[in-house]
Amino acid sequence: MKKKKKVNKTLILEKRIYKCFVFVTIFLIVGIIYSRAMLAKINLEVQELSDKITVESDGNQSLAMKINEMVSLEKIQEVSSQMGLKYDNDNIKSVTE
């Protein structure tokens, strides 16, 4: 009779170990799937931000080109002549030592 009780106790222990193993396996599978889903979501957000950065960078380059056009000597002379100003070399004095 004592042997049967030991067998029953080992069977119960084995069942608990198997249940625990199944639970841990399912938990790990769900965790891996969740982490992959979150990683895919984050990658999508990174790609969207990268696209926005590219668009803004192109806009900044365009604005820098416009600034360079406005600062050019020809544009300054054109605007000054429209406002009635003139370039006279005789009025320019240089300092020499």
C-alpha atoms as a PDB file:
ATOM      1  CA  MET A   1       0.000   0.000   0.000  1.00  0.00           C
ATOM      2  CA  LYS A   2       2.764   2.416   0.751  1.00  0.00           C
ATOM      3  CA  LYS A   3       4.164   1.998  -2.723  1.00  0.00           C
ATOM      4  CA  LYS A   4       0.917   3.106  -4.313  1.00  0.00           C
ATOM      5  CA  LYS A   5       0.920   6.308  -2.312  1.00  0.00           C
ATOM      6  CA  LYS A   6       4.441   7.133  -3.487  1.00  0.00           C
ATOM      7  CA  VAL A   7       3.440   6.468  -7.056  1.00  0.00           C
ATOM      8  CA  ASN A   8       0.447   8.766  -6.695  1.00  0.00           C
ATOM      9  CA  LYS A   9       2.605  11.491  -5.146  1.00  0.00           C
ATOM     10  CA  THR A  10       5.136  11.258  -7.973  1.00  0.00           C
ATOM     11  CA  LEU A  11       2.367  11.326 -10.562  1.00  0.00           C
ATOM     12  CA  ILE A  12       0.894  14.446  -8.996  1.00  0.00           C
ATOM     13  CA  LEU A  13       4.329  16.066  -8.913  1.00  0.00           C
ATOM     14  CA  GLU A  14       4.962  15.145 -12.547  1.00  0.00           C
ATOM     15  CA  LYS A  15       1.587  16.573 -13.568  1.00  0.00           C
ATOM     16  CA  ARG A  16       2.397  19.815 -11.798  1.00  0.00           C
ATOM     17  CA  ILE A  17       5.791  19.979 -13.490  1.00  0.00           C
ATOM     18  CA  TYR A  18       4.199  19.384 -16.908  1.00  0.00           C
ATOM     19  CA  LYS A  19       1.533  22.033 -16.252  1.00  0.00           C
ATOM     20  CA  CYS A  20       4.204  24.471 -15.163  1.00  0.00           C
ATOM     21  CA  PHE A  21       6.263  23.686 -18.260  1.00  0.00           C
ATOM     22  CA  VAL A  22       3.241  24.203 -20.531  1.00  0.00           C
ATOM     23  CA  PHE A  23       2.396  27.483 -18.781  1.00  0.00           C
ATOM     24  CA  VAL A  24       5.962  28.784 -19.099  1.00  0.00           C
ATOM     25  CA  THR A  25       6.104  27.740 -22.763  1.00  0.00           C
ATOM     26  CA  ILE A  26       2.828  29.512 -23.577  1.00  0.00           C
ATOM     27  CA  PHE A  27       3.948  32.584 -21.627  1.00  0.00           C
ATOM     28  CA  LEU A  28       7.238  32.734 -23.544  1.00  0.00           C
ATOM     29  CA  ILE A  29       5.506  32.316 -26.915  1.00  0.00           C
ATOM     30  CA  VAL A  30       3.053  35.116 -26.134  1.00  0.00           C
ATOM     31  CA  GLY A  31       5.911  37.295 -24.890  1.00  0.00           C
ATOM     32  CA  ILE A  32       7.924  36.747 -28.067  1.00  0.00           C
ATOM     33  CA  ILE A  33       4.932  37.546 -30.279  1.00  0.00           C
ATOM     34  CA  TYR A  34       4.167  40.691 -28.273  1.00  0.00           C
ATOM     35  CA  SER A  35       7.760  41.898 -28.390  1.00  0.00           C
ATOM     36  CA  ARG A  36       7.935  41.334 -32.158  1.00  0.00           C
ATOM     37  CA  ALA A  37       4.688  43.284 -32.628  1.00  0.00           C
ATOM     38  CA  MET A  38       6.006  46.183 -30.555  1.00  0.00           C
ATOM     39  CA  LEU A  39       9.288  46.119 -32.471  1.00  0.00           C
ATOM     40  CA  ALA A  40       7.416  46.280 -35.785  1.00  0.00           C
ATOM     41  CA  LYS A  41       5.338  49.210 -34.501  1.00  0.00           C
ATOM     42  CA  ILE A  42       8.434  51.095 -33.368  1.00  0.00           C
ATOM     43  CA  ASN A  43      10.164  50.434 -36.692  1.00  0.00           C
ATOM     44  CA  LEU A  44       7.145  51.874 -38.516  1.00  0.00           C
ATOM     45  CA  GLU A  45       7.267  55.006 -36.366  1.00  0.00           C
ATOM     46  CA  VAL A  46      11.012  55.361 -37.000  1.00  0.00           C
ATOM     47  CA  GLN A  47      10.432  55.080 -40.751  1.00  0.00           C
ATOM     48  CA  GLU A  48       7.715  57.753 -40.632  1.00  0.00           C
ATOM     49  CA  LEU A  49       9.979  60.089 -38.649  1.00  0.00           C
ATOM     50  CA  SER A  50      12.814  59.445 -41.075  1.00  0.00           C
ATOM     51  CA  ASP A  51      10.552  60.435 -43.975  1.00  0.00           C
ATOM     52  CA  LYS A  52       9.527  63.620 -42.152  1.00  0.00           C
ATOM     53  CA  ILE A  53      13.177  64.466 -41.482  1.00  0.00           C
ATOM     54  CA  THR A  54      13.989  64.008 -45.167  1.00  0.00           C
ATOM     55  CA  VAL A  55      11.143  66.321 -46.205  1.00  0.00           C
ATOM     56  CA  GLU A  56      12.179  68.985 -43.676  1.00  0.00           C
ATOM     57  CA  SER A  57      15.821  68.698 -44.728  1.00  0.00           C
ATOM     58  CA  ASP A  58      14.878  69.267 -48.361  1.00  0.00           C
ATOM     59  CA  GLY A  59      12.798  72.289 -47.315  1.00  0.00           C
ATOM     60  CA  ASN A  60      15.737  73.687 -45.336  1.00  0.00           C
ATOM     61  CA  GLN A  61      18.051  73.305 -48.319  1.00  0.00           C
ATOM     62  CA  SER A  62      15.534  75.106 -50.514  1.00  0.00           C
ATOM     63  CA  LEU A  63      15.290  77.964 -48.022  1.00  0.00           C
ATOM     64  CA  ALA A  64      19.071  78.180 -47.762  1.00  0.00           C
ATOM     65  CA  MET A  65      19.269  78.535 -51.555  1.00  0.00           C
ATOM     66  CA  LYS A  66      16.660  81.327 -51.455  1.00  0.00           C
ATOM     67  CA  ILE A  67      18.670  83.117 -48.748  1.00  0.00           C
ATOM     68  CA  ASN A  68      21.822  82.877 -50.851  1.00  0.00           C
ATOM     69  CA  GLU A  69      19.948  84.309 -53.847  1.00  0.00           C
ATOM     70  CA  MET A  70      18.659  87.237 -51.778  1.00  0.00           C
ATOM     71  CA  VAL A  71      22.116  88.038 -50.406  1.00  0.00           C
ATOM     72  CA  SER A  72      23.837  87.968 -53.791  1.00  0.00           C
ATOM     73  CA  LEU A  73      25.438  91.222 -55.005  1.00  0.00           C
ATOM     74  CA  GLU A  74      23.239  91.432 -58.107  1.00  0.00           C
ATOM     75  CA  LYS A  75      20.045  91.243 -56.019  1.00  0.00           C
ATOM     76  CA  ILE A  76      21.315  93.881 -53.600  1.00  0.00           C
ATOM     77  CA  GLN A  77      22.224  96.217 -56.476  1.00  0.00           C
ATOM     78  CA  GLU A  78      18.816  95.623 -58.095  1.00  0.00           C
ATOM     79  CA  VAL A  79      16.927  96.443 -54.881  1.00  0.00           C
ATOM     80  CA  SER A  80      19.095  99.481 -54.159  1.00  0.00           C
ATOM     81  CA  SER A  81      18.548 100.857 -57.671  1.00  0.00           C
ATOM     82  CA  GLN A  82      14.787 100.378 -57.286  1.00  0.00           C
ATOM     83  CA  MET A  83      14.915 102.422 -54.079  1.00  0.00           C
ATOM     84  CA  GLY A  84      16.857 105.196 -55.739  1.00  0.00           C
ATOM     85  CA  LEU A  85      20.264 104.412 -54.327  1.00  0.00           C
ATOM     86  CA  LYS A  86      23.329 104.383 -56.518  1.00  0.00           C
ATOM     87  CA  TYR A  87      26.818 102.950 -56.322  1.00  0.00           C
ATOM     88  CA  ASP A  88      29.471 105.658 -56.538  1.00  0.00           C
ATOM     89  CA  ASN A  89      33.121 104.671 -56.344  1.00  0.00           C
ATOM     90  CA  ASP A  90      34.208 108.257 -55.655  1.00  0.00           C
ATOM     91  CA  ASN A  91      32.432 108.261 -52.271  1.00  0.00           C
ATOM     92  CA  ILE A  92      34.326 105.233 -51.031  1.00  0.00           C
ATOM     93  CA  LYS A  93      37.405 106.038 -48.997  1.00  0.00           C
ATOM     94  CA  SER A  94      39.990 103.522 -47.906  1.00  0.00           C
ATOM     95  CA  VAL A  95      42.084 103.828 -44.817  1.00  0.00           C
ATOM     96  CA  THR A  96      45.790 103.306 -45.304  1.00  0.00           C
ATOM     97  CA  GLU A  97      48.469 103.446 -42.712  1.00  0.00           C
END
